[in-house]
Amino acid sequence: ALHWTICKVVRSTSLDNLRRGHAPGCFCNGGVRWLSREGHARCLSILKLRYGEQYGASNMTWAWWRANIKHQTSKIDVTCKKCGHRSRSTSLVNLQKGRAPGCFCSRKTEAKLRRWLCAKYPDWTITSQVKGCTNPDTQRPLPFDFGLYHDTILIELDGEIGHFGRGWGGVADDGGVPQRDFYKEYWAIQQGKVVVRLLQTDVYHDCWSWEDAIQYKGGIYRQLRADLDCKR
């Protein structure tokens, strides 16, 4: 048996196959399928070895695995024990590449808002990364940060890029973020949903800066809405 040092899978292969240039089957080359029991064990092992007890994987039973995991782009289902966020958007291939499941530990503003929502609405499930809207140009999902009341109310946290059109470090290039955010909002309204957009800085600092109210009435976000009103 050969011990494959990258993904740690132990597999048997013949010397004849090695001479022919055939690599031992493993997760790196698709020789071991993620939907197998080996794949299930491999995923749990990665989570344990890299992150200790941080992520709970009790939802990913073998029955769940067989029903939901098909290939390397399938998404895992774990819950961060530190911030309580349930992550269902990390693919197996990204996990294998060393990317941690998404949670609020590195996103303090989102974590703060989630705690507030959970305290104010204890009888309701607060959903995160609410999908449904798709970018018409790339077909990639454009999720909202939070959903309330069965996702009939959608909440989006805006940074300076999305609201004012200022790129990272104040540069002029906003990367199309304001247009995507506005498209997402317009889509949700057309679906009969209520959209609440909050400025990250106000959430993080527990304030509404009234002295900046005039500034908030400007920016590319307001321009996009004004253009839509004109077209109507």
Protein backbone atom coordinates (compact mmCIF):
# COMPACT_ATOMS: atom_id res chain seq x y z
CA ALA A 1 0.00 0.00 0.00
CA LEU A 2 1.14 3.55 -0.75
CA HIS A 3 0.56 6.48 1.56
CA TRP A 4 -0.44 9.48 -0.57
CA THR A 5 1.16 12.39 1.26
CA ILE A 6 -1.05 15.23 0.02
CA CYS A 7 -4.53 13.99 0.90
CA LYS A 8 -3.35 11.22 3.29
CA VAL A 9 -5.30 8.42 1.59
CA VAL A 10 -3.75 4.95 1.80
CA ARG A 11 -4.34 2.95 -1.39
CA SER A 12 -2.94 -0.21 -2.93
CA THR A 13 -1.58 -0.18 -6.46
CA SER A 14 0.54 -2.53 -8.52
CA LEU A 15 4.12 -1.87 -9.60
CA ASP A 16 3.01 -2.50 -13.17
CA ASN A 17 0.54 0.39 -12.98
CA LEU A 18 3.25 2.62 -11.55
CA ARG A 19 5.58 1.71 -14.42
CA ARG A 20 2.81 2.65 -16.86
CA GLY A 21 2.54 6.05 -15.27
CA HIS A 22 -0.76 5.49 -13.44
CA ALA A 23 -0.83 7.33 -10.11
CA PRO A 24 -2.47 5.65 -7.12
CA GLY A 25 -6.10 6.68 -6.78
CA CYS A 26 -6.73 9.41 -4.23
CA PHE A 27 -8.86 12.50 -3.69
CA CYS A 28 -6.31 14.64 -5.52
CA ASN A 29 -6.80 12.89 -8.86
CA GLY A 30 -10.38 11.67 -8.51
CA GLY A 31 -9.38 8.06 -7.87
CA VAL A 32 -11.37 8.09 -4.64
CA ARG A 33 -14.87 9.50 -4.89
CA TRP A 34 -16.10 11.94 -2.29
CA LEU A 35 -19.52 10.28 -2.18
CA SER A 36 -17.93 7.09 -0.78
CA ARG A 37 -17.51 6.20 2.89
CA GLU A 38 -13.85 7.06 2.49
CA GLY A 39 -14.90 10.51 1.32
CA HIS A 40 -17.16 10.94 4.33
CA ALA A 41 -14.38 9.92 6.71
CA ARG A 42 -11.89 12.12 4.88
CA CYS A 43 -14.06 15.23 5.26
CA LEU A 44 -14.59 14.68 8.99
CA SER A 45 -10.87 14.05 9.39
CA ILE A 46 -9.95 17.33 7.66
CA LEU A 47 -12.30 19.29 9.91
CA LYS A 48 -10.92 17.60 13.03
CA LEU A 49 -7.22 17.88 12.14
CA ARG A 50 -7.31 21.49 10.97
CA TYR A 51 -9.90 23.09 13.22
CA GLY A 52 -10.14 20.85 16.26
CA GLU A 53 -13.59 21.12 17.84
CA GLN A 54 -14.52 24.46 16.26
CA TYR A 55 -16.93 23.06 13.68
CA GLY A 56 -19.72 20.68 14.59
CA ALA A 57 -20.59 18.19 11.86
CA SER A 58 -23.44 16.28 13.50
CA ASN A 59 -25.73 17.07 10.56
CA MET A 60 -23.44 15.21 8.18
CA THR A 61 -24.43 11.66 9.04
CA TRP A 62 -23.73 8.90 6.55
CA ALA A 63 -27.40 9.04 5.45
CA TRP A 64 -27.10 12.80 4.87
CA TRP A 65 -23.83 12.30 3.03
CA ARG A 66 -25.30 9.78 0.60
CA ALA A 67 -28.23 12.08 -0.14
CA ASN A 68 -26.28 15.32 -0.56
CA ILE A 69 -22.70 14.63 -1.63
CA LYS A 70 -22.14 13.81 -5.30
CA HIS A 71 -18.75 15.27 -6.27
CA GLN A 72 -16.01 17.66 -5.16
CA THR A 73 -18.15 20.76 -5.66
CA SER A 74 -20.83 19.49 -3.25
CA LYS A 75 -21.31 21.64 -0.14
CA ILE A 76 -20.73 20.52 3.44
CA ASP A 77 -23.00 21.37 6.39
CA VAL A 78 -21.23 22.42 9.59
CA THR A 79 -21.86 24.78 12.50
CA CYS A 80 -19.19 26.95 14.10
CA LYS A 81 -19.27 26.40 17.86
CA LYS A 82 -17.67 29.80 18.52
CA CYS A 83 -20.11 32.11 16.72
CA GLY A 84 -23.04 29.71 16.18
CA HIS A 85 -23.18 30.23 12.42
CA ARG A 86 -24.32 27.29 10.31
CA SER A 87 -22.27 27.12 7.13
CA ARG A 88 -23.63 25.33 4.07
CA SER A 89 -21.71 27.09 1.31
CA THR A 90 -18.22 25.55 1.50
CA SER A 91 -17.42 22.98 -1.17
CA LEU A 92 -15.32 19.90 -0.56
CA VAL A 93 -12.70 21.04 -3.04
CA ASN A 94 -12.29 24.36 -1.21
CA LEU A 95 -12.12 22.57 2.14
CA GLN A 96 -9.35 20.36 0.77
CA LYS A 97 -7.48 23.44 -0.48
CA GLY A 98 -7.37 24.77 3.07
CA ARG A 99 -10.28 27.20 3.07
CA ALA A 100 -12.17 27.20 6.34
CA PRO A 101 -15.98 26.99 6.35
CA GLY A 102 -17.46 30.48 6.30
CA CYS A 103 -18.62 31.80 9.65
CA PHE A 104 -18.85 35.07 11.55
CA CYS A 105 -15.63 34.70 13.53
CA SER A 106 -13.78 36.80 10.96
CA ARG A 107 -16.76 39.06 10.22
CA LYS A 108 -17.43 41.06 13.37
CA THR A 109 -20.16 43.28 11.94
CA GLU A 110 -22.22 40.36 10.65
CA ALA A 111 -21.77 38.54 13.95
CA LYS A 112 -22.93 41.59 15.90
CA LEU A 113 -26.04 42.03 13.78
CA ARG A 114 -26.86 38.33 14.02
CA ARG A 115 -26.66 38.43 17.82
CA TRP A 116 -28.99 41.43 17.85
CA LEU A 117 -31.48 39.73 15.52
CA CYS A 118 -31.47 36.54 17.59
CA ALA A 119 -32.10 38.54 20.76
CA LYS A 120 -34.92 40.61 19.23
CA TYR A 121 -36.58 37.70 17.41
CA PRO A 122 -35.99 34.65 19.63
CA ASP A 123 -38.98 32.75 18.22
CA TRP A 124 -37.80 32.96 14.63
CA THR A 125 -34.97 31.30 12.75
CA ILE A 126 -32.51 33.86 11.41
CA THR A 127 -31.17 32.58 8.11
CA SER A 128 -27.80 33.62 6.69
CA GLN A 129 -26.55 33.95 3.13
CA VAL A 130 -30.07 33.77 1.71
CA LYS A 131 -29.94 32.60 -1.88
CA GLY A 132 -32.44 32.96 -4.70
CA CYS A 133 -31.10 35.83 -6.76
CA THR A 134 -28.62 35.00 -9.53
CA ASN A 135 -26.23 37.28 -11.37
CA PRO A 136 -27.58 37.34 -14.96
CA ASP A 137 -24.07 37.78 -16.38
CA THR A 138 -22.24 35.01 -14.51
CA GLN A 139 -25.11 32.83 -13.19
CA ARG A 140 -23.49 32.97 -9.77
CA PRO A 141 -25.70 33.42 -6.68
CA LEU A 142 -26.10 36.87 -5.13
CA PRO A 143 -27.06 36.06 -1.53
CA PHE A 144 -28.45 38.45 1.08
CA ASP A 145 -26.72 38.59 4.46
CA PHE A 146 -29.76 37.67 6.57
CA GLY A 147 -33.37 36.61 6.24
CA LEU A 148 -36.24 36.96 8.72
CA TYR A 149 -39.83 35.68 8.80
CA HIS A 150 -39.21 32.80 6.37
CA ASP A 151 -36.99 35.09 4.29
CA THR A 152 -39.81 37.51 3.52
CA ILE A 153 -37.61 40.24 5.02
CA LEU A 154 -34.07 40.34 3.64
CA ILE A 155 -31.26 42.28 5.29
CA GLU A 156 -28.12 43.45 3.51
CA LEU A 157 -25.10 45.08 5.14
CA ASP A 158 -23.59 47.77 2.94
CA GLY A 159 -19.97 48.82 2.98
CA GLU A 160 -18.63 51.95 1.36
CA ILE A 161 -18.23 50.09 -1.93
CA GLY A 162 -21.87 49.09 -2.20
CA HIS A 163 -23.36 52.36 -0.99
CA PHE A 164 -20.98 55.08 -2.08
CA GLY A 165 -19.19 53.39 -4.97
CA ARG A 166 -15.76 53.75 -3.43
CA GLY A 167 -13.42 50.84 -4.03
CA TRP A 168 -10.94 49.33 -1.61
CA GLY A 169 -8.65 52.00 -0.20
CA GLY A 170 -10.77 54.76 -1.70
CA VAL A 171 -9.88 53.95 -5.31
CA ALA A 172 -12.37 54.76 -8.05
CA ASP A 173 -12.89 51.17 -9.22
CA ASP A 174 -15.82 49.66 -7.32
CA GLY A 175 -15.70 46.33 -9.17
CA GLY A 176 -19.38 46.51 -10.08
CA VAL A 177 -20.43 45.87 -6.48
CA PRO A 178 -23.06 48.69 -6.33
CA GLN A 179 -24.73 47.45 -9.52
CA ARG A 180 -24.87 43.87 -8.27
CA ASP A 181 -26.24 44.94 -4.89
CA PHE A 182 -28.87 47.10 -6.53
CA TYR A 183 -29.86 44.31 -8.95
CA LYS A 184 -30.24 42.02 -5.96
CA GLU A 185 -32.47 44.52 -4.17
CA TYR A 186 -34.62 45.09 -7.25
CA TRP A 187 -35.00 41.33 -7.74
CA ALA A 188 -36.16 40.85 -4.14
CA ILE A 189 -38.74 43.63 -4.38
CA GLN A 190 -40.11 42.07 -7.55
CA GLN A 191 -40.52 38.84 -5.57
CA GLY A 192 -42.67 40.67 -3.01
CA LYS A 193 -40.00 40.74 -0.30
CA VAL A 194 -38.99 43.61 1.98
CA VAL A 195 -35.34 44.68 1.75
CA VAL A 196 -33.51 46.41 4.61
CA ARG A 197 -30.08 47.81 3.78
CA LEU A 198 -27.87 48.83 6.69
CA LEU A 199 -24.52 50.57 6.64
CA GLN A 200 -21.86 48.40 8.23
CA THR A 201 -20.25 51.32 10.03
CA ASP A 202 -23.53 52.21 11.77
CA VAL A 203 -24.08 48.64 12.92
CA TYR A 204 -20.52 48.24 14.14
CA HIS A 205 -20.48 51.54 16.07
CA ASP A 206 -24.07 51.32 17.38
CA CYS A 207 -25.02 54.66 15.90
CA TRP A 208 -26.80 56.54 13.21
CA SER A 209 -24.63 59.48 12.35
CA TRP A 210 -27.17 62.20 11.72
CA GLU A 211 -24.44 64.64 10.74
CA ASP A 212 -23.75 62.36 7.78
CA ALA A 213 -27.38 62.18 6.65
CA ILE A 214 -26.73 64.47 3.69
CA GLN A 215 -23.85 62.30 2.60
CA TYR A 216 -26.01 59.19 2.80
CA LYS A 217 -28.47 60.76 0.39
CA GLY A 218 -25.77 60.81 -2.27
CA GLY A 219 -23.44 58.20 -3.67
CA ILE A 220 -23.84 55.71 -6.48
CA TYR A 221 -26.57 53.76 -4.67
CA ARG A 222 -28.90 56.76 -4.72
CA GLN A 223 -28.02 57.42 -8.35
CA LEU A 224 -28.96 53.88 -9.32
CA ARG A 225 -32.33 54.21 -7.61
CA ALA A 226 -32.95 57.59 -9.21
CA ASP A 227 -32.21 56.14 -12.65
CA LEU A 228 -34.75 53.39 -12.02
CA ASP A 229 -37.41 55.89 -10.94
CA CYS A 230 -36.82 57.86 -14.15
CA LYS A 231 -37.24 54.76 -16.28
CA ARG A 232 -40.57 54.03 -14.65
